[in-house]
Amino acid sequence: MATVDFGGVTKTVCLAYTPDAGIGDYTIIHAGFAIAILDEQAALESLELFEQLGIVSATTDEIAP
């Protein structure tokens, strides 16, 4: 188990599928499980796309409902 920061909101997630995940790693989380580890470039590109789609806000670090 680990505490993950979602743009300022922290949640506890299970690392059973990503036992190599460490502090500072970017992960894909689904239903409370980290299911993949991303490199920083892929993570930042994904976050940028999410911002363009209105899923996250870069100015407030909030996840859209």
Foldseek 3Di string as FASTA:
>chain_A
DDWDDQLNDIDQADAPQPVVDDPPWDFDDDPRYGNGTDDPVVVVVVVVVCCVVVQAPPVRSDGDD
